[in-house]
Amino acid sequence: MPEIWLGYGDTEIILDIKYENISQVLRPSMNKLDLITLENEIKSKIVIQESTLILITSPFFFILPILSVLQNMSKELNIEKIEYCILSKSLPQRVKQQLSENSITIGRLASEDVLEKIKKFDNIILIDRIEYDPVFGYAGSPVRLLRECYPDEMNQVYTFIFNSLPQPGTYNEPLKLAIEVMSKMSCQSINVISNNEGIDSLFIGDLSYSFNEAIQRFKSITQPSAVPSKSAFISGNTNYSYQTTLGNSLNLLWNNYHVISDNGIIILLSESRGGVGNGTLLKLIENRLDLAGLNKYQYSKDLEHINFLKMLREKYEIYLISSLPRIYTDKLGLKSLQRIKDGLDLVIEKNGKYSKSIIIPNSEITLVSS
């Protein structure tokens, strides 16, 4: 019996599944960049000067070696005014410890303060990782900054996606808008392609050009093919923020729901220690959202999930393995399971003891083609 580990919050849990019950385990095909090459790549393309802000727009594995190179560059140049900030509510304790051991202090930057903060520095360096996104097609610094800092533009994005299915891996109008808006910002950009084993590649330079170059590499190594299945286990474990809330985790579902046959079973792992999030999902659970008026709303966080749930939850049996109260999942029209073993037992009970499931451990960086 193979051991397959799936991300659950900051840790992993094992899926004890027999070989005969596995259709495919689908992962990206990434290389591993050695530290010397990584250092040379950064040093040859990034400019460090006085008054530098290094802004990490989303936390991910292997951010430390990148920050260490930048820190060493600043020390070699005797540059003192350099600040590290992150656009995230929290960092896992082990990451904080690693940063502290390397004398790197990262400040939390609230969404509403980002644009004003940027104005105070002469040199901006954005760092993020390329991922799939069901609204923008791809995620990275341009997309995360648009989501967090540009409410008017997000209203425009919502008009593009209302009554539309998820669009991971498409170069769509929302993505074009994000790149257009963020290209007006004078900055350097480090776009990272990585998994939980290492960094595959870096694309550094002008925000628009480097982001587009990174997408080309990313999609060439992260789109395994599979025959549609009656069931799947979907998780994510290469980005620290994906399982903090249900609102984040649902992106994992929308990136790869399409690989499941109609009326199939999807088991989504979402620890959700931060609950459903503080956006539209919470409003729906608290009966503060009129579903009949979805087309009239201005965009608020996670509104896209209401749209996608409305269109897809009747097409599949969607089960959550999470810490959320069942009353929450019931309100969203989803079903709950206590353990991953319960999910496996359910699939076998409904589809037969020889039924096969697709397993997607890193749905944030995987887009299954069929």
Foldseek 3Di string as FASTA:
>chain_A
DDWDWFDFAQGTDTDDDDPLAAQAAAFFDFDFDDLVVVLVVCVVFDDDDAQEEEEEAFFWPPPVSVVLSVVVVCVVVVHDRYAAEYADPDDDPVVVVVCVVSVHDYHYDALQCVVVSLVRGPAYEYEWEWWWFQQQQIDTVLVSNCQRHPLVLQLVSCLVPFLHAGRHNDNDDSNVSSLVVCLVDDYKYWYWYDFNPHTRDIFIGRPNVSVVVVSVVLVVGFAAAGAAFLEEEWHAHGGNPQQQALLSQVRLCSLEVVSHQWAGEYEGRHANVVYNDDKDLVCLLVVNDDPVCLVPDRDIRSSSVLSNLVVPCNRYQYEYAYPYDQSSCVSSSHHYDPDVVVVVVVCCVVPNVSGYYYYYNRSRRHHYHD
